[in-house]
Amino acid sequence: MKRRNMIVTTLASASILCAMALAQGVPPPYVNIDRYRHGNLAAAQDNIVQAFNYVSYAQRANDGQLGGHAARAKELLSEANEELRLAADVANEHQDQQPPQ
């Protein structure tokens, strides 16, 4: 029984370390949308940056003991940031294609 507990504990520790290593590899989001062209999208990006930072603070405050969920949240925030950038790019293409009036 002790051997089993030791193996489970070792595997859990390794999983946590892997999750922390992956979390470190997530590029932090940043605002890269023109506020004058797409104010709402830029504001959304700003909120994503703030949320990402708060998750990082929570990870530090809890010594990384959040079961990998915080790291996953950071990954999703980075993906959302990229999707907003892509949305702004599409909007820019449509605005540029409209004939002058």
N, C-alpha and C. Protein backbone atom coordinates (compact mmCIF):
# COMPACT_ATOMS: atom_id res chain seq x y z
N MET A 1 0.83 -1.19 0.00
CA MET A 1 0.00 0.00 0.00
C MET A 1 0.87 1.26 0.00
N LYS A 2 1.95 1.25 0.79
CA LYS A 2 2.84 2.42 0.82
C LYS A 2 3.49 2.64 -0.54
N ARG A 3 3.86 1.55 -1.17
CA ARG A 3 4.49 1.65 -2.50
C ARG A 3 3.53 2.28 -3.49
N ARG A 4 2.27 1.87 -3.45
CA ARG A 4 1.26 2.42 -4.36
C ARG A 4 1.08 3.92 -4.11
N ASN A 5 0.99 4.32 -2.86
CA ASN A 5 0.86 5.74 -2.53
C ASN A 5 2.05 6.54 -3.02
N MET A 6 3.23 5.95 -2.88
CA MET A 6 4.44 6.64 -3.32
C MET A 6 4.44 6.81 -4.84
N ILE A 7 3.99 5.80 -5.56
CA ILE A 7 3.94 5.89 -7.02
C ILE A 7 2.91 6.93 -7.45
N VAL A 8 1.74 6.92 -6.83
CA VAL A 8 0.70 7.88 -7.16
C VAL A 8 1.18 9.30 -6.86
N THR A 9 1.82 9.49 -5.73
CA THR A 9 2.34 10.81 -5.35
C THR A 9 3.40 11.28 -6.35
N THR A 10 4.26 10.38 -6.76
CA THR A 10 5.31 10.73 -7.72
C THR A 10 4.70 11.12 -9.07
N LEU A 11 3.72 10.34 -9.52
CA LEU A 11 3.07 10.66 -10.78
C LEU A 11 2.32 11.99 -10.72
N ALA A 12 1.65 12.25 -9.60
CA ALA A 12 0.93 13.51 -9.44
C ALA A 12 1.91 14.69 -9.45
N SER A 13 3.02 14.52 -8.76
CA SER A 13 4.03 15.59 -8.74
C SER A 13 4.61 15.84 -10.12
N ALA A 14 4.86 14.78 -10.85
CA ALA A 14 5.39 14.93 -12.20
C ALA A 14 4.38 15.64 -13.10
N SER A 15 3.10 15.29 -12.95
CA SER A 15 2.06 15.94 -13.74
C SER A 15 1.99 17.43 -13.46
N ILE A 16 2.09 17.78 -12.19
CA ILE A 16 2.04 19.20 -11.80
C ILE A 16 3.23 19.94 -12.38
N LEU A 17 4.40 19.35 -12.30
CA LEU A 17 5.60 19.99 -12.84
C LEU A 17 5.49 20.18 -14.35
N CYS A 18 4.94 19.18 -15.04
CA CYS A 18 4.76 19.30 -16.49
C CYS A 18 3.77 20.41 -16.82
N ALA A 19 2.69 20.48 -16.05
CA ALA A 19 1.70 21.54 -16.28
C ALA A 19 2.31 22.91 -16.05
N MET A 20 3.13 23.03 -15.03
CA MET A 20 3.79 24.31 -14.75
C MET A 20 4.76 24.67 -15.88
N ALA A 21 5.46 23.67 -16.38
CA ALA A 21 6.40 23.93 -17.48
C ALA A 21 5.65 24.37 -18.73
N LEU A 22 4.53 23.74 -19.00
CA LEU A 22 3.73 24.14 -20.16
C LEU A 22 3.18 25.55 -19.97
N ALA A 23 2.78 25.87 -18.75
CA ALA A 23 2.23 27.21 -18.49
C ALA A 23 3.28 28.28 -18.74
N GLN A 24 4.52 27.96 -18.46
CA GLN A 24 5.57 28.93 -18.68
C GLN A 24 5.79 29.17 -20.18
N GLY A 25 5.40 28.18 -21.01
CA GLY A 25 5.59 28.29 -22.44
C GLY A 25 4.49 29.07 -23.15
N VAL A 26 3.44 29.44 -22.44
CA VAL A 26 2.34 30.17 -23.05
C VAL A 26 2.76 31.62 -23.23
N PRO A 27 2.74 32.11 -24.47
CA PRO A 27 3.13 33.51 -24.65
C PRO A 27 2.06 34.43 -24.05
N PRO A 28 2.47 35.43 -23.32
CA PRO A 28 1.48 36.34 -22.73
C PRO A 28 0.79 37.15 -23.83
N PRO A 29 -0.52 37.32 -23.70
CA PRO A 29 -1.23 38.12 -24.69
C PRO A 29 -0.89 39.60 -24.55
N TYR A 30 -1.11 40.34 -25.59
CA TYR A 30 -0.88 41.78 -25.56
C TYR A 30 -1.86 42.44 -26.53
N VAL A 31 -2.07 43.71 -26.35
CA VAL A 31 -3.00 44.45 -27.21
C VAL A 31 -2.27 44.84 -28.49
N ASN A 32 -2.77 44.33 -29.61
CA ASN A 32 -2.16 44.67 -30.90
C ASN A 32 -3.23 45.03 -31.93
N ILE A 33 -4.37 45.53 -31.44
CA ILE A 33 -5.44 46.00 -32.30
C ILE A 33 -5.54 47.52 -32.15
N ASP A 34 -5.68 48.20 -33.27
CA ASP A 34 -5.79 49.66 -33.27
C ASP A 34 -7.07 50.10 -32.57
N ARG A 35 -6.92 50.85 -31.48
CA ARG A 35 -8.06 51.31 -30.69
C ARG A 35 -8.96 52.26 -31.48
N TYR A 36 -8.40 52.94 -32.45
CA TYR A 36 -9.18 53.90 -33.22
C TYR A 36 -10.02 53.23 -34.30
N ARG A 37 -9.55 52.11 -34.81
CA ARG A 37 -10.31 51.37 -35.83
C ARG A 37 -11.29 50.39 -35.21
N HIS A 38 -10.88 49.73 -34.13
CA HIS A 38 -11.70 48.67 -33.52
C HIS A 38 -11.62 48.80 -32.00
N GLY A 39 -12.27 49.82 -31.49
CA GLY A 39 -12.20 50.10 -30.06
C GLY A 39 -12.68 48.96 -29.18
N ASN A 40 -13.78 48.32 -29.57
CA ASN A 40 -14.32 47.23 -28.75
C ASN A 40 -13.40 46.01 -28.74
N LEU A 41 -12.84 45.68 -29.89
CA LEU A 41 -11.92 44.54 -29.95
C LEU A 41 -10.65 44.82 -29.16
N ALA A 42 -10.15 46.04 -29.26
CA ALA A 42 -8.96 46.41 -28.50
C ALA A 42 -9.25 46.36 -26.99
N ALA A 43 -10.44 46.82 -26.59
CA ALA A 43 -10.82 46.77 -25.18
C ALA A 43 -10.92 45.32 -24.71
N ALA A 44 -11.46 44.45 -25.56
CA ALA A 44 -11.55 43.03 -25.21
C ALA A 44 -10.15 42.43 -25.04
N GLN A 45 -9.23 42.80 -25.93
CA GLN A 45 -7.85 42.33 -25.78
C GLN A 45 -7.25 42.82 -24.47
N ASP A 46 -7.51 44.06 -24.13
CA ASP A 46 -7.00 44.61 -22.88
C ASP A 46 -7.52 43.80 -21.68
N ASN A 47 -8.79 43.42 -21.73
CA ASN A 47 -9.36 42.61 -20.65
C ASN A 47 -8.71 41.23 -20.59
N ILE A 48 -8.39 40.67 -21.75
CA ILE A 48 -7.70 39.37 -21.78
C ILE A 48 -6.33 39.48 -21.14
N VAL A 49 -5.62 40.55 -21.44
CA VAL A 49 -4.29 40.77 -20.84
C VAL A 49 -4.42 40.87 -19.32
N GLN A 50 -5.41 41.61 -18.85
CA GLN A 50 -5.62 41.73 -17.40
C GLN A 50 -5.96 40.38 -16.77
N ALA A 51 -6.84 39.62 -17.42
CA ALA A 51 -7.22 38.30 -16.89
C ALA A 51 -6.01 37.37 -16.83
N PHE A 52 -5.20 37.39 -17.88
CA PHE A 52 -3.99 36.56 -17.92
C PHE A 52 -3.07 36.91 -16.76
N ASN A 53 -2.91 38.21 -16.51
CA ASN A 53 -2.05 38.64 -15.40
C ASN A 53 -2.61 38.20 -14.05
N TYR A 54 -3.93 38.29 -13.87
CA TYR A 54 -4.53 37.86 -12.61
C TYR A 54 -4.38 36.36 -12.39
N VAL A 55 -4.48 35.58 -13.47
CA VAL A 55 -4.27 34.14 -13.35
C VAL A 55 -2.82 33.87 -12.93
N SER A 56 -1.89 34.62 -13.50
CA SER A 56 -0.49 34.47 -13.11
C SER A 56 -0.29 34.80 -11.63
N TYR A 57 -0.94 35.87 -11.17
CA TYR A 57 -0.86 36.23 -9.74
C TYR A 57 -1.42 35.09 -8.88
N ALA A 58 -2.53 34.51 -9.31
CA ALA A 58 -3.14 33.42 -8.56
C ALA A 58 -2.21 32.20 -8.51
N GLN A 59 -1.54 31.93 -9.62
CA GLN A 59 -0.59 30.81 -9.64
C GLN A 59 0.53 31.03 -8.63
N ARG A 60 1.04 32.25 -8.61
CA ARG A 60 2.13 32.55 -7.66
C ARG A 60 1.63 32.48 -6.22
N ALA A 61 0.44 33.02 -5.97
CA ALA A 61 -0.10 33.04 -4.61
C ALA A 61 -0.40 31.63 -4.10
N ASN A 62 -0.72 30.72 -5.01
CA ASN A 62 -1.05 29.34 -4.63
C ASN A 62 0.08 28.36 -4.92
N ASP A 63 1.27 28.89 -5.12
CA ASP A 63 2.45 28.07 -5.39
C ASP A 63 2.22 27.07 -6.52
N GLY A 64 1.46 27.46 -7.51
CA GLY A 64 1.23 26.59 -8.66
C GLY A 64 0.35 25.39 -8.37
N GLN A 65 -0.30 25.35 -7.24
CA GLN A 65 -1.12 24.20 -6.84
C GLN A 65 -2.58 24.37 -7.27
N LEU A 66 -2.81 24.58 -8.53
CA LEU A 66 -4.17 24.78 -9.03
C LEU A 66 -4.58 23.67 -9.99
N GLY A 67 -3.87 22.58 -9.94
CA GLY A 67 -4.24 21.40 -10.71
C GLY A 67 -4.15 21.55 -12.22
N GLY A 68 -3.37 22.48 -12.69
CA GLY A 68 -3.22 22.67 -14.13
C GLY A 68 -4.35 23.48 -14.76
N HIS A 69 -5.37 23.80 -13.98
CA HIS A 69 -6.50 24.55 -14.53
C HIS A 69 -6.13 25.99 -14.86
N ALA A 70 -5.31 26.59 -14.03
CA ALA A 70 -4.88 27.97 -14.29
C ALA A 70 -4.03 28.02 -15.57
N ALA A 71 -3.17 27.03 -15.73
CA ALA A 71 -2.35 26.98 -16.94
C ALA A 71 -3.22 26.83 -18.18
N ARG A 72 -4.25 26.00 -18.08
CA ARG A 72 -5.16 25.82 -19.21
C ARG A 72 -5.93 27.11 -19.50
N ALA A 73 -6.33 27.81 -18.45
CA ALA A 73 -7.02 29.09 -18.62
C ALA A 73 -6.13 30.07 -19.36
N LYS A 74 -4.83 30.08 -19.03
CA LYS A 74 -3.90 30.98 -19.71
C LYS A 74 -3.77 30.62 -21.18
N GLU A 75 -3.76 29.32 -21.48
CA GLU A 75 -3.70 28.90 -22.88
C GLU A 75 -4.92 29.41 -23.64
N LEU A 76 -6.10 29.26 -23.02
CA LEU A 76 -7.33 29.68 -23.67
C LEU A 76 -7.38 31.20 -23.85
N LEU A 77 -6.86 31.92 -22.87
CA LEU A 77 -6.82 33.38 -22.99
C LEU A 77 -5.90 33.79 -24.15
N SER A 78 -4.78 33.11 -24.29
CA SER A 78 -3.88 33.42 -25.42
C SER A 78 -4.56 33.11 -26.75
N GLU A 79 -5.31 32.01 -26.80
CA GLU A 79 -6.04 31.68 -28.03
C GLU A 79 -7.11 32.73 -28.33
N ALA A 80 -7.83 33.16 -27.30
CA ALA A 80 -8.86 34.18 -27.49
C ALA A 80 -8.23 35.48 -27.99
N ASN A 81 -7.07 35.83 -27.46
CA ASN A 81 -6.37 37.03 -27.90
C ASN A 81 -6.05 36.95 -29.39
N GLU A 82 -5.58 35.79 -29.83
CA GLU A 82 -5.25 35.60 -31.24
C GLU A 82 -6.51 35.67 -32.11
N GLU A 83 -7.60 35.10 -31.64
CA GLU A 83 -8.86 35.14 -32.40
C GLU A 83 -9.35 36.57 -32.58
N LEU A 84 -9.19 37.39 -31.54
CA LEU A 84 -9.58 38.79 -31.67
C LEU A 84 -8.73 39.50 -32.72
N ARG A 85 -7.44 39.18 -32.72
CA ARG A 85 -6.55 39.77 -33.74
C ARG A 85 -7.02 39.37 -35.14
N LEU A 86 -7.38 38.10 -35.30
CA LEU A 86 -7.86 37.63 -36.60
C LEU A 86 -9.17 38.30 -36.98
N ALA A 87 -10.05 38.51 -36.00
CA ALA A 87 -11.31 39.21 -36.27
C ALA A 87 -11.05 40.63 -36.75
N ALA A 88 -10.11 41.31 -36.13
CA ALA A 88 -9.76 42.67 -36.55
C ALA A 88 -9.17 42.66 -37.96
N ASP A 89 -8.38 41.66 -38.27
CA ASP A 89 -7.81 41.56 -39.63
C ASP A 89 -8.91 41.40 -40.67
N VAL A 90 -9.89 40.55 -40.38
CA VAL A 90 -10.99 40.34 -41.32
C VAL A 90 -11.78 41.64 -41.48
N ALA A 91 -12.06 42.31 -40.37
CA ALA A 91 -12.78 43.58 -40.44
C ALA A 91 -12.00 44.60 -41.27
N ASN A 92 -10.69 44.62 -41.10
CA ASN A 92 -9.86 45.54 -41.88
C ASN A 92 -9.97 45.24 -43.38
N GLU A 93 -9.96 43.95 -43.73
CA GLU A 93 -10.07 43.58 -45.15
C GLU A 93 -11.40 44.05 -45.73
N HIS A 94 -12.48 43.88 -44.96
CA HIS A 94 -13.79 44.29 -45.45
C HIS A 94 -13.88 45.81 -45.57
N GLN A 95 -13.29 46.53 -44.64
CA GLN A 95 -13.32 47.99 -44.71
C GLN A 95 -12.50 48.48 -45.88
N ASP A 96 -11.39 47.82 -46.15
CA ASP A 96 -10.52 48.24 -47.25
C ASP A 96 -11.12 47.92 -48.61
N GLN A 97 -12.02 46.92 -48.67
CA GLN A 97 -12.61 46.50 -49.95
C GLN A 97 -13.83 47.33 -50.33
N GLN A 98 -14.39 48.10 -49.42
CA GLN A 98 -15.57 48.89 -49.73
C GLN A 98 -15.20 50.02 -50.70
N PRO A 99 -16.04 50.20 -51.73
CA PRO A 99 -15.73 51.26 -52.70
C PRO A 99 -15.91 52.64 -52.05
N PRO A 100 -15.10 53.61 -52.45
CA PRO A 100 -15.24 54.96 -51.91
C PRO A 100 -16.58 55.56 -52.32
N GLN A 101 -17.12 56.38 -51.45
CA GLN A 101 -18.44 56.98 -51.72
C GLN A 101 -18.31 58.43 -52.10
